[in-house]
Protein backbone atom coordinates (compact mmCIF):
# COMPACT_ATOMS: atom_id res chain seq x y z
CA UNK A 1 130.17 -53.64 -97.02
CA UNK A 2 129.99 -51.07 -100.07
CA UNK A 3 127.69 -51.70 -103.31
CA UNK A 4 130.30 -53.60 -105.87
CA UNK A 5 129.81 -52.58 -109.67
CA UNK A 6 129.97 -55.84 -111.25
CA UNK A 7 130.81 -57.35 -114.68
CA UNK A 8 126.64 -57.63 -115.96
CA UNK A 9 123.38 -58.77 -114.99
CA UNK A 10 124.42 -62.29 -115.08
CA UNK A 11 122.57 -65.00 -116.52
CA UNK A 12 123.26 -67.79 -113.38
CA UNK A 13 121.36 -65.41 -110.89
CA UNK A 14 118.54 -64.76 -113.19
CA UNK A 15 117.90 -67.95 -113.79
CA UNK A 16 118.14 -68.72 -109.08
CA UNK A 17 115.64 -65.74 -109.19
CA UNK A 18 113.10 -67.38 -111.57
CA UNK A 19 113.63 -70.49 -109.40
CA UNK A 20 112.81 -68.40 -106.63
CA UNK A 21 109.97 -66.92 -108.25
CA UNK A 22 108.55 -70.39 -109.06
CA UNK A 23 109.18 -71.98 -104.96
CA UNK A 24 107.61 -68.40 -103.79
CA UNK A 25 104.12 -68.45 -105.04
CA UNK A 26 102.81 -72.07 -103.46
CA UNK A 27 104.36 -71.24 -100.38
CA UNK A 28 101.63 -68.21 -100.31
CA UNK A 29 98.90 -70.42 -101.73
CA UNK A 30 99.14 -73.19 -99.68
CA UNK A 31 99.93 -70.89 -96.25
CA UNK A 32 97.22 -67.90 -96.62
CA UNK A 33 96.40 -67.95 -92.89
CA UNK A 34 100.29 -68.11 -91.67
CA UNK A 35 101.56 -65.52 -93.82
CA UNK A 36 98.62 -62.92 -93.09
CA UNK A 37 99.66 -64.05 -89.01
CA UNK A 38 103.34 -62.95 -89.76
CA UNK A 39 102.22 -60.06 -91.92
CA UNK A 40 100.03 -58.87 -88.82
CA UNK A 41 102.74 -59.59 -86.33
CA UNK A 42 105.01 -57.91 -87.86
CA UNK A 43 103.19 -54.31 -87.64
CA UNK A 44 104.05 -55.34 -83.59
CA UNK A 45 107.84 -55.49 -84.44
CA UNK A 46 107.99 -52.10 -87.65
CA UNK A 47 104.89 -50.07 -85.58
CA UNK A 48 104.72 -47.55 -82.66
CA UNK A 49 102.18 -47.13 -80.03
CA UNK A 50 99.66 -44.54 -80.90
CA UNK A 51 99.51 -43.04 -77.24
CA UNK A 52 101.82 -39.69 -76.52
CA UNK A 53 105.10 -39.56 -75.81
CA UNK A 54 105.88 -40.13 -72.19
CA UNK A 55 106.25 -37.66 -69.91
CA UNK A 56 110.56 -36.28 -69.00
CA UNK A 57 109.97 -33.24 -66.90
CA UNK A 58 110.18 -31.23 -70.29
CA UNK A 59 113.98 -31.66 -69.69
CA UNK A 60 116.15 -33.31 -72.44
CA UNK A 61 117.07 -36.82 -73.14
CA UNK A 62 119.83 -37.94 -70.74
CA UNK A 63 122.15 -40.70 -70.94
CA UNK A 64 124.21 -42.58 -68.28
CA UNK A 65 128.32 -43.42 -68.67
CA UNK A 66 129.43 -44.38 -71.86
CA UNK A 67 129.66 -48.37 -72.08
CA UNK A 68 131.94 -50.13 -73.93
CA UNK A 69 131.25 -53.50 -74.64
CA UNK A 70 134.08 -56.10 -73.17
CA UNK A 71 136.04 -58.86 -74.66
CA UNK A 72 136.69 -57.84 -78.15
CA UNK A 73 136.35 -55.35 -80.73
CA UNK A 74 134.19 -54.43 -83.40
CA UNK A 75 133.20 -51.33 -86.13
CA UNK A 76 129.19 -50.42 -87.39
CA UNK A 77 127.26 -52.26 -84.60
CA UNK A 78 123.50 -53.37 -85.28
CA UNK A 79 121.25 -53.07 -82.16
CA UNK A 80 118.35 -54.55 -81.30
CA UNK A 81 115.83 -54.63 -78.47
CA UNK A 82 113.29 -57.68 -77.47
CA UNK A 83 109.96 -55.81 -77.15
CA UNK A 84 108.41 -59.39 -77.98
CA UNK A 85 105.60 -60.16 -75.37
CA UNK A 86 108.02 -63.20 -73.58
CA UNK A 87 110.25 -63.68 -70.96
CA UNK A 88 113.23 -62.08 -72.88
CA UNK A 89 110.92 -58.44 -73.49
CA UNK A 90 113.63 -55.40 -72.00
CA UNK A 91 116.92 -57.66 -73.36
CA UNK A 92 119.40 -55.62 -75.75
CA UNK A 93 121.09 -57.39 -78.23
CA UNK A 94 124.16 -55.61 -80.72
CA UNK A 95 126.42 -57.22 -83.23
CA UNK A 96 129.14 -56.15 -84.66
CA UNK A 97 132.43 -57.34 -87.28
CA UNK A 98 136.09 -56.18 -87.29
CA UNK A 99 137.02 -58.55 -84.93
CA UNK A 100 139.63 -61.56 -85.42
CA UNK A 101 136.69 -64.34 -83.65
CA UNK A 102 134.19 -63.09 -86.63
CA UNK A 103 131.15 -61.44 -86.03
CA UNK A 104 130.24 -61.27 -82.53
CA UNK A 105 127.16 -60.62 -80.17
CA UNK A 106 126.86 -58.59 -77.19
CA UNK A 107 123.61 -59.19 -75.02
CA UNK A 108 122.16 -57.08 -71.86
CA UNK A 109 119.26 -58.23 -69.90
CA UNK A 110 119.31 -55.09 -67.73
CA UNK A 111 118.60 -52.43 -69.77
CA UNK A 112 122.24 -51.62 -71.17
CA UNK A 113 124.30 -51.48 -67.46
CA UNK A 114 126.17 -54.35 -67.62
CA UNK A 115 127.14 -56.94 -71.23
CA UNK A 116 128.08 -59.91 -71.35
CA UNK A 117 130.96 -61.39 -72.88
CA UNK A 118 130.69 -62.02 -76.66
CA UNK A 119 128.86 -64.60 -78.52
CA UNK A 120 130.54 -64.93 -81.73
CA UNK A 121 128.87 -66.90 -84.85
CA UNK A 122 128.48 -68.03 -88.19
CA UNK A 123 131.35 -70.47 -87.19
CA UNK A 124 131.49 -72.48 -90.01
CA UNK A 125 130.95 -69.24 -92.71
CA UNK A 126 134.50 -69.95 -94.81
CA UNK A 127 134.61 -65.90 -95.62
CA UNK A 128 132.54 -64.55 -92.02
CA UNK A 129 132.72 -61.50 -90.84
CA UNK A 130 131.37 -59.62 -94.21
CA UNK A 131 128.51 -57.80 -92.26
CA UNK A 132 126.58 -58.63 -90.11
CA UNK A 133 123.00 -57.65 -89.08
CA UNK A 134 120.77 -58.60 -85.91
CA UNK A 135 116.94 -58.67 -85.27
CA UNK A 136 114.40 -59.92 -82.67
CA UNK A 137 111.53 -61.93 -83.96
CA UNK A 138 107.92 -61.76 -82.44
CA UNK A 139 108.53 -64.89 -80.84
CA UNK A 140 111.66 -63.19 -78.65
CA UNK A 141 114.09 -65.51 -80.62
CA UNK A 142 116.98 -63.65 -82.13
CA UNK A 143 118.04 -63.34 -85.57
CA UNK A 144 121.64 -62.88 -86.66
CA UNK A 145 122.87 -62.64 -90.11
CA UNK A 146 126.57 -62.73 -91.34
CA UNK A 147 127.64 -62.08 -94.73
CA UNK A 148 130.78 -64.54 -96.54
CA UNK A 149 131.06 -63.08 -100.04
CA UNK A 150 129.79 -64.61 -102.10
CA UNK A 151 126.37 -65.78 -99.62
CA UNK A 152 124.56 -64.88 -96.17
CA UNK A 153 124.39 -66.72 -93.48
CA UNK A 154 121.71 -66.46 -91.35
CA UNK A 155 121.68 -67.90 -87.28
CA UNK A 156 118.79 -67.94 -85.20
CA UNK A 157 119.23 -67.69 -80.67
CA UNK A 158 116.39 -69.62 -78.57
CA UNK A 159 118.01 -68.58 -75.52
CA UNK A 160 118.35 -65.11 -75.80
CA UNK A 161 121.63 -64.39 -77.15
CA UNK A 162 124.31 -66.92 -75.79
CA UNK A 163 124.25 -68.96 -78.47
CA UNK A 164 123.36 -69.04 -81.82
CA UNK A 165 122.28 -72.10 -84.64
CA UNK A 166 124.93 -73.64 -87.43
CA UNK A 167 122.59 -71.69 -89.33
CA UNK A 168 121.14 -71.77 -93.28
CA UNK A 169 122.44 -69.81 -96.57
CA UNK A 170 120.51 -67.34 -98.71
CA UNK A 171 120.75 -64.04 -100.60
CA UNK A 172 123.23 -65.89 -103.20
CA UNK A 173 125.93 -63.48 -104.87
CA UNK A 174 125.03 -60.56 -101.61
CA UNK A 175 126.64 -57.23 -100.29
CA UNK A 176 124.99 -55.82 -97.46
CA UNK A 177 122.32 -58.00 -96.15
CA UNK A 178 119.52 -56.45 -93.99
CA UNK A 179 117.38 -58.47 -91.92
CA UNK A 180 113.53 -58.25 -91.06
CA UNK A 181 112.14 -60.26 -88.91
CA UNK A 182 108.29 -60.32 -88.79
CA UNK A 183 107.09 -63.64 -86.90
CA UNK A 184 106.99 -67.13 -89.65
CA UNK A 185 108.09 -64.49 -92.41
CA UNK A 186 111.93 -63.42 -92.19
CA UNK A 187 113.10 -61.31 -94.84
CA UNK A 188 116.98 -60.47 -95.96
CA UNK A 189 116.85 -58.02 -98.69
CA UNK A 190 120.65 -56.51 -99.78
CA UNK A 191 122.43 -56.07 -103.29
CA UNK A 192 123.52 -58.12 -105.58
CA UNK A 193 127.16 -57.57 -106.88
CA UNK A 194 126.64 -59.26 -110.32
CA UNK A 195 123.23 -58.33 -111.20
CA UNK A 196 123.47 -54.51 -109.57
CA UNK A 197 120.45 -54.96 -108.14
CA UNK A 198 118.50 -55.25 -104.38
CA UNK A 199 117.25 -58.37 -104.23
CA UNK A 200 114.93 -59.23 -101.16
CA UNK A 201 115.07 -63.25 -99.91
CA UNK A 202 112.25 -64.33 -97.73
CA UNK A 203 111.66 -67.11 -95.49
CA UNK A 204 108.13 -68.50 -94.13
CA UNK A 205 109.20 -70.66 -91.50
CA UNK A 206 111.22 -67.90 -88.71
CA UNK A 207 114.08 -68.09 -90.87
CA UNK A 208 115.32 -71.44 -90.63
CA UNK A 209 115.07 -71.90 -94.99
CA UNK A 210 114.70 -69.03 -97.14
CA UNK A 211 112.99 -70.84 -101.01
CA UNK A 212 112.49 -66.98 -102.67
CA UNK A 213 114.98 -64.44 -103.55
CA UNK A 214 113.46 -62.06 -106.28
CA UNK A 215 115.07 -59.16 -107.75
CA UNK A 216 112.78 -55.56 -106.86
CA UNK A 217 113.41 -52.99 -109.31
CA UNK A 218 110.01 -51.70 -110.58
CA UNK A 219 108.66 -50.39 -113.35
CA UNK A 220 109.45 -46.84 -113.32
CA UNK A 221 111.62 -45.49 -115.89
CA UNK A 222 113.90 -43.03 -113.68
CA UNK A 223 115.33 -46.53 -111.93
CA UNK A 224 116.87 -47.25 -115.26
CA UNK A 225 119.90 -44.73 -113.98
CA UNK A 226 120.87 -46.88 -111.53
CA UNK A 227 121.52 -50.08 -113.52
CA UNK A 228 125.32 -49.73 -112.34
CA UNK A 229 125.52 -49.04 -108.85
CA UNK A 230 122.53 -49.85 -105.98
CA UNK A 231 123.21 -49.55 -102.14
CA UNK A 232 120.02 -51.18 -99.61
CA UNK A 233 119.34 -48.74 -97.01
CA UNK A 234 118.59 -49.89 -93.48
CA UNK A 235 116.26 -52.21 -93.56
CA UNK A 236 112.55 -53.78 -95.55
CA UNK A 237 109.38 -52.30 -93.46
CA UNK A 238 106.19 -54.14 -93.55
CA UNK A 239 102.97 -51.15 -93.00
CA UNK A 240 101.40 -52.27 -90.05
CA UNK A 241 98.17 -50.96 -92.16
CA UNK A 242 97.98 -52.37 -95.40
CA UNK A 243 101.26 -54.94 -94.97
CA UNK A 244 103.04 -53.73 -97.68
CA UNK A 245 106.65 -54.37 -98.40
CA UNK A 246 109.06 -51.41 -98.45
CA UNK A 247 112.98 -50.94 -98.68
CA UNK A 248 114.60 -47.41 -99.56
CA UNK A 249 118.37 -47.78 -102.00
CA UNK A 250 120.05 -44.90 -103.37
CA UNK A 251 122.16 -44.96 -106.40
CA UNK A 252 124.86 -43.38 -108.95
CA UNK A 253 124.25 -43.33 -112.46
CA UNK A 254 125.94 -45.10 -115.00
CA UNK A 255 127.50 -41.83 -116.67
CA UNK A 256 128.71 -41.16 -113.75
CA UNK A 257 130.45 -44.19 -112.83
CA UNK A 258 131.83 -44.21 -115.86
CA UNK A 259 133.19 -40.71 -115.08
CA UNK A 260 134.54 -42.21 -111.61
CA UNK A 261 135.08 -45.66 -112.01
CA UNK A 262 134.46 -47.95 -110.24
CA UNK A 263 131.30 -45.88 -109.67
CA UNK A 264 130.37 -42.35 -108.90
CA UNK A 265 129.29 -40.37 -105.99
CA UNK A 266 125.56 -41.61 -104.44
CA UNK A 267 122.74 -38.97 -104.69
CA UNK A 268 119.54 -40.43 -105.62
CA UNK A 269 117.23 -42.12 -102.97
CA UNK A 270 114.49 -44.58 -104.85
CA UNK A 271 111.72 -46.26 -102.83
CA UNK A 272 111.09 -50.52 -103.74
CA UNK A 273 107.17 -51.55 -102.39
CA UNK A 274 105.07 -54.75 -103.13
CA UNK A 275 101.75 -55.32 -102.19
CA UNK A 276 101.96 -58.78 -102.95
CA UNK A 277 104.46 -60.16 -100.10
CA UNK A 278 107.35 -59.35 -102.07
CA UNK A 279 106.39 -60.75 -105.98
CA UNK A 280 105.90 -57.54 -107.57
CA UNK A 281 107.75 -54.37 -107.03
CA UNK A 282 106.92 -50.70 -107.48
CA UNK A 283 109.28 -48.70 -107.51
CA UNK A 284 108.74 -44.07 -106.19
CA UNK A 285 111.35 -41.60 -105.99
CA UNK A 286 112.92 -40.70 -103.16
CA UNK A 287 114.87 -37.83 -103.14
CA UNK A 288 117.19 -36.70 -106.79
CA UNK A 289 119.97 -34.28 -105.93
CA UNK A 290 120.45 -31.43 -107.75
CA UNK A 291 122.87 -31.73 -110.21
CA UNK A 292 122.95 -28.39 -112.12
CA UNK A 293 125.99 -25.51 -112.68
CA UNK A 294 128.35 -28.45 -111.53
CA UNK A 295 127.32 -29.13 -108.31
CA UNK A 296 128.39 -32.28 -106.76
CA UNK A 297 126.03 -33.78 -104.76
CA UNK A 298 127.56 -36.77 -102.50
CA UNK A 299 124.03 -38.31 -99.69
CA UNK A 300 126.37 -41.07 -99.56
CA UNK A 301 127.07 -41.60 -95.95
CA UNK A 302 126.29 -45.15 -95.97
CA UNK A 303 123.85 -46.12 -95.17
CA UNK A 304 119.96 -44.73 -95.54
CA UNK A 305 117.34 -45.40 -93.58
CA UNK A 306 114.10 -46.54 -93.61
CA UNK A 307 111.63 -46.87 -90.63
CA UNK A 308 107.18 -46.99 -90.95
CA UNK A 309 105.32 -45.48 -88.04
CA UNK A 310 101.98 -47.25 -86.25
CA UNK A 311 100.03 -45.54 -88.90
CA UNK A 312 101.58 -46.56 -91.56
CA UNK A 313 103.78 -43.07 -92.13
CA UNK A 314 107.43 -43.48 -93.72
CA UNK A 315 110.13 -41.86 -92.88
CA UNK A 316 113.58 -41.88 -94.85
CA UNK A 317 116.57 -41.02 -93.57
CA UNK A 318 120.43 -39.98 -94.93
CA UNK A 319 122.67 -37.38 -95.05
CA UNK A 320 125.36 -35.75 -96.97
CA UNK A 321 126.06 -32.17 -98.45
CA UNK A 322 124.29 -30.24 -101.09
CA UNK A 323 128.35 -29.84 -103.23
CA UNK A 324 131.43 -32.01 -102.26
CA UNK A 325 133.41 -29.03 -103.82
CA UNK A 326 132.32 -26.71 -101.70
CA UNK A 327 131.90 -28.14 -97.77
CA UNK A 328 132.27 -24.84 -96.15
CA UNK A 329 129.24 -23.32 -98.02
CA UNK A 330 127.50 -26.54 -97.74
CA UNK A 331 127.83 -28.77 -95.00
CA UNK A 332 127.67 -31.98 -94.30
CA UNK A 333 123.72 -32.28 -92.39
CA UNK A 334 121.60 -34.64 -91.69
CA UNK A 335 118.05 -34.72 -93.69
CA UNK A 336 114.51 -36.78 -92.93
CA UNK A 337 111.96 -36.85 -95.68
CA UNK A 338 108.51 -38.29 -94.62
CA UNK A 339 105.26 -39.82 -96.29
CA UNK A 340 101.98 -39.33 -95.41
CA UNK A 341 100.47 -41.71 -98.21
CA UNK A 342 102.84 -44.85 -97.66
CA UNK A 343 106.07 -44.12 -99.52
CA UNK A 344 104.46 -42.69 -102.78
CA UNK A 345 105.22 -38.96 -102.38
CA UNK A 346 107.30 -37.18 -100.25
CA UNK A 347 108.26 -33.51 -97.97
CA UNK A 348 110.83 -32.09 -98.98
CA UNK A 349 114.25 -32.84 -97.00
CA UNK A 350 113.65 -31.60 -93.50
CA UNK A 351 117.64 -30.50 -91.44
CA UNK A 352 117.95 -32.35 -88.32
CA UNK A 353 121.22 -31.27 -87.04
CA UNK A 354 121.01 -27.90 -85.78
CA UNK A 355 124.31 -26.54 -85.05
CA UNK A 356 125.61 -22.39 -84.33
CA UNK A 357 124.98 -20.99 -87.21
CA UNK A 358 124.01 -24.22 -89.42
CA UNK A 359 128.14 -25.10 -89.33
CA UNK A 360 129.42 -28.09 -88.20
CA UNK A 361 129.64 -32.05 -90.08
CA UNK A 362 127.50 -35.02 -89.22
CA UNK A 363 127.33 -38.60 -91.24
CA UNK A 364 126.12 -42.19 -90.67
CA UNK A 365 123.15 -41.27 -89.16
CA UNK A 366 120.30 -43.91 -88.44
CA UNK A 367 117.05 -43.25 -86.81
CA UNK A 368 114.17 -45.20 -84.56
CA UNK A 369 110.57 -44.39 -84.92
CA UNK A 370 107.69 -45.33 -82.79
CA UNK A 371 104.56 -43.59 -83.15
CA UNK A 372 102.87 -40.83 -85.27
CA UNK A 373 105.89 -38.28 -85.58
CA UNK A 374 107.73 -40.16 -82.70
CA UNK A 375 111.30 -40.13 -83.69
CA UNK A 376 115.14 -40.58 -82.08
CA UNK A 377 118.12 -39.89 -84.81
CA UNK A 378 121.94 -40.58 -84.48
CA UNK A 379 124.80 -39.41 -86.53
CA UNK A 380 128.68 -39.19 -85.68
CA UNK A 381 129.30 -35.02 -85.32
CA UNK A 382 131.93 -32.10 -85.09
CA UNK A 383 131.52 -28.96 -84.97
CA UNK A 384 134.36 -28.69 -87.36
CA UNK A 385 132.59 -27.98 -90.54
CA UNK A 386 134.21 -29.31 -93.55
CA UNK A 387 134.56 -32.57 -96.22
CA UNK A 388 135.06 -35.76 -93.24
CA UNK A 389 136.96 -38.22 -96.10
CA UNK A 390 139.69 -35.86 -96.23
CA UNK A 391 140.66 -37.75 -99.97
CA UNK A 392 138.63 -37.28 -102.72
CA UNK A 393 137.23 -38.66 -105.79
CA UNK A 394 137.51 -42.36 -107.19
CA UNK A 395 139.23 -45.57 -105.38
CA UNK A 396 141.77 -45.64 -108.35
CA UNK A 397 142.25 -41.53 -108.99
CA UNK A 398 142.61 -39.74 -105.31
CA UNK A 399 143.59 -36.53 -104.37
CA UNK A 400 142.73 -34.02 -100.96
CA UNK A 401 139.85 -32.96 -100.72
CA UNK A 402 138.89 -29.03 -100.54
CA UNK A 403 138.88 -28.19 -96.74
CA UNK A 404 139.07 -31.55 -96.22
CA UNK A 405 139.77 -33.11 -92.22
CA UNK A 406 143.66 -34.41 -91.55
CA UNK A 407 143.85 -37.69 -90.53
CA UNK A 408 144.05 -38.19 -86.57
CA UNK A 409 147.41 -37.84 -85.85
CA UNK A 410 147.25 -33.78 -87.16
CA UNK A 411 146.92 -31.51 -83.63
CA UNK A 412 144.63 -29.74 -85.29
CA UNK A 413 141.84 -33.04 -86.29
CA UNK A 414 138.39 -32.44 -85.48
CA UNK A 415 136.97 -34.32 -82.70
CA UNK A 416 133.92 -36.59 -82.84
CA UNK A 417 130.86 -37.33 -80.84
CA UNK A 418 127.21 -39.05 -81.17
CA UNK A 419 124.34 -36.47 -80.73
CA UNK A 420 120.57 -37.75 -80.49
CA UNK A 421 118.15 -35.42 -81.65
CA UNK A 422 114.15 -36.62 -80.51
CA UNK A 423 111.06 -34.68 -82.28
CA UNK A 424 107.60 -36.04 -81.67
CA UNK A 425 106.28 -33.57 -84.50
CA UNK A 426 108.77 -34.92 -86.79
CA UNK A 427 105.07 -35.48 -89.39
CA UNK A 428 104.01 -31.52 -88.89
CA UNK A 429 105.10 -28.88 -91.62
CA UNK A 430 107.62 -27.51 -89.04
CA UNK A 431 108.46 -30.23 -87.31
CA UNK A 432 111.15 -29.58 -84.14
CA UNK A 433 114.26 -31.47 -82.64
CA UNK A 434 115.67 -31.60 -79.66
CA UNK A 435 119.46 -32.12 -80.03
CA UNK A 436 122.20 -33.94 -77.38
CA UNK A 437 125.64 -35.08 -77.23
CA UNK A 438 125.11 -38.91 -76.30
CA UNK A 439 128.21 -39.13 -75.32
CA UNK A 440 130.67 -36.88 -73.14
CA UNK A 441 133.54 -37.24 -74.85
CA UNK A 442 134.71 -37.40 -78.05
CA UNK A 443 134.65 -40.84 -79.74
CA UNK A 444 137.08 -40.49 -82.67
CA UNK A 445 139.04 -37.90 -84.12
CA UNK A 446 139.93 -36.89 -87.59
CA UNK A 447 138.72 -38.03 -91.21
CA UNK A 448 135.70 -40.41 -91.25
CA UNK A 449 134.81 -42.32 -94.25
CA UNK A 450 131.42 -42.29 -95.93
CA UNK A 451 132.14 -44.25 -98.97
CA UNK A 452 132.49 -47.82 -97.76
CA UNK A 453 134.73 -49.98 -100.08
CA UNK A 454 135.74 -46.94 -102.10
CA UNK A 455 137.41 -45.04 -99.17
CA UNK A 456 141.10 -45.83 -100.23
CA UNK A 457 143.50 -44.00 -97.96
CA UNK A 458 140.11 -42.50 -95.78
CA UNK A 459 139.77 -43.34 -92.10
CA UNK A 460 137.12 -46.18 -92.31
CA UNK A 461 138.16 -47.93 -88.38
CA UNK A 462 134.59 -46.87 -87.95
CA UNK A 463 133.55 -49.36 -90.57
CA UNK A 464 130.42 -47.87 -91.58
CA UNK A 465 127.20 -47.41 -89.00
CA UNK A 466 125.74 -46.67 -85.54
CA UNK A 467 122.57 -47.56 -84.57
CA UNK A 468 119.49 -47.28 -82.28
CA UNK A 469 116.22 -49.02 -80.66
CA UNK A 470 113.55 -47.73 -78.74
CA UNK A 471 112.79 -49.72 -75.68
CA UNK A 472 109.30 -49.98 -73.73
CA UNK A 473 110.14 -46.88 -71.81
CA UNK A 474 110.37 -44.76 -75.01
CA UNK A 475 113.87 -44.77 -74.32
CA UNK A 476 117.09 -44.44 -76.67
CA UNK A 477 119.93 -47.39 -76.73
CA UNK A 478 122.54 -46.53 -79.04
CA UNK A 479 125.85 -48.41 -80.39
CA UNK A 480 128.56 -47.08 -82.10
CA UNK A 481 132.06 -47.56 -82.88
CA UNK A 482 134.78 -45.59 -80.71
CA UNK A 483 138.38 -45.15 -80.37
CA UNK A 484 140.96 -43.19 -79.37
CA UNK A 485 144.04 -41.75 -81.29
CA UNK A 486 146.11 -44.40 -79.82
CA UNK A 487 143.58 -46.90 -80.51
CA UNK A 488 143.30 -46.06 -83.66
CA UNK A 489 147.27 -45.90 -83.70
CA UNK A 490 147.00 -49.73 -82.58
CA UNK A 491 144.54 -50.23 -85.04
CA UNK A 492 141.97 -50.88 -82.36
CA UNK A 493 137.82 -49.60 -82.48
CA UNK A 494 135.75 -51.40 -79.76
CA UNK A 495 131.88 -51.53 -79.40
CA UNK A 496 130.24 -48.86 -77.49
CA UNK A 497 127.17 -48.00 -76.16
CA UNK A 498 125.01 -45.31 -74.82
CA UNK A 499 121.90 -45.57 -73.10
CA UNK A 500 119.32 -43.24 -72.53
CA UNK A 501 118.19 -42.58 -68.65
CA UNK A 502 116.61 -39.83 -68.45
CA UNK A 503 114.64 -36.79 -69.69
CA UNK A 504 111.52 -36.67 -72.53
CA UNK A 505 111.04 -40.28 -74.23
CA UNK A 506 109.25 -41.93 -77.00
CA UNK A 507 106.45 -43.18 -76.93
CA UNK A 508 107.16 -46.98 -76.42
CA UNK A 509 106.64 -49.31 -79.77
CA UNK A 510 103.27 -50.67 -80.12
CA UNK A 511 104.56 -54.33 -79.44
CA UNK A 512 105.02 -53.06 -75.86
CA UNK A 513 101.22 -52.96 -75.65
CA UNK A 514 101.43 -57.00 -75.63
CA UNK A 515 101.18 -58.19 -71.75
CA UNK A 516 104.07 -60.69 -71.24
CA UNK A 517 101.99 -63.95 -70.08
């Protein structure tokens, strides 16, 4: 879900966070060895192996037949691959929302070739299915988070996704929870819709309880521009070299929100980082768009992504346009920034997509990172150039965009596919990307809304993101929503999976180096 503008900071949340802070510090002091061990384990989950990419005969990445997950519907699918040194290594999990049965999870035990029937979770949630995210812990447990509007529920599966426990509540006043599993330490990072601030909740027992929730605005004056609306990117990371906790978020400014209620365009990104396990946070600017001379930049395309490789290099991914008023001259592109000093300073944006003549439209990207410079980036793309939302303006006042795409019923509605771009030199001064279509046929037609809850009359049937993960062979697996024109007319969206089966591959994740007993 898109973050919602609240009425104020809210003394109730401040009290909760103060209580969480007091509960957090003793836990760190009482269990220093467990704490450090969990952080060390996180290096295996977040990082990548130091070896070079697996040979692929010089051929571009190739994918098997498109797989539609059985037994249910859904959009904005999360994907997690088990790289733990357990019997579950290689299992692939997908979670999605949008089905009448609430949040669903599917699992594959054979590399994505075949899939289970969907497993509903958060069965006792009063308003289940608002948002979901999944992650595999270092012991092979599958964790799933589900938004229940006023809080999130975290469920744990110890049988490879076949069932989940009753779960625990965390993340008060929650919007868009993201999960990071790092051994005993599990993190839920989210946007607080009352305080309008990013918040991190921490578990010290593998996700069973979450005694601490702390605001994460750092002491950087530039972040005051974000006081009215923050959108958390995917997901909190643990640096394998110095154990820093970091997350990326985008924001619109207070002035823009007043001009375009309930909030203005998202076009600035910041990194929040903690070196003391989440007690205190420092903010670093990542990207601030040019708004001079009447430009209307829009880098919403929620959600952005943050990742860290095995050597502690950082990668920030986002998509959008330098001026939404002129999308033909300023197409929607996918951009990558890198940091070689643990997120403190960043490169200029690197355009990832490379269609003919710099044209096309590219939205809702995600990435997976393993070894230094090894990156897989995915997105929805079309060769048509224009404004993907079709309608522009605020939720309260919308009008057709300049060069806006028509809806799916129009004979001229553009066709969308899912693309992957792969690089093994993303840290170089001039990185190269090999771009391929991951699905052979169109997965959607017409508009794609990139603005979450403020989409208004635009097409949000795919919801807000797609996902990619990398297995122990270095191959990519992509989960995405899709619908034909007939399916969209019937109000249907289905979860698809594309599995890489050949061609060049990334170095496998670092956890894959540990032998399975």
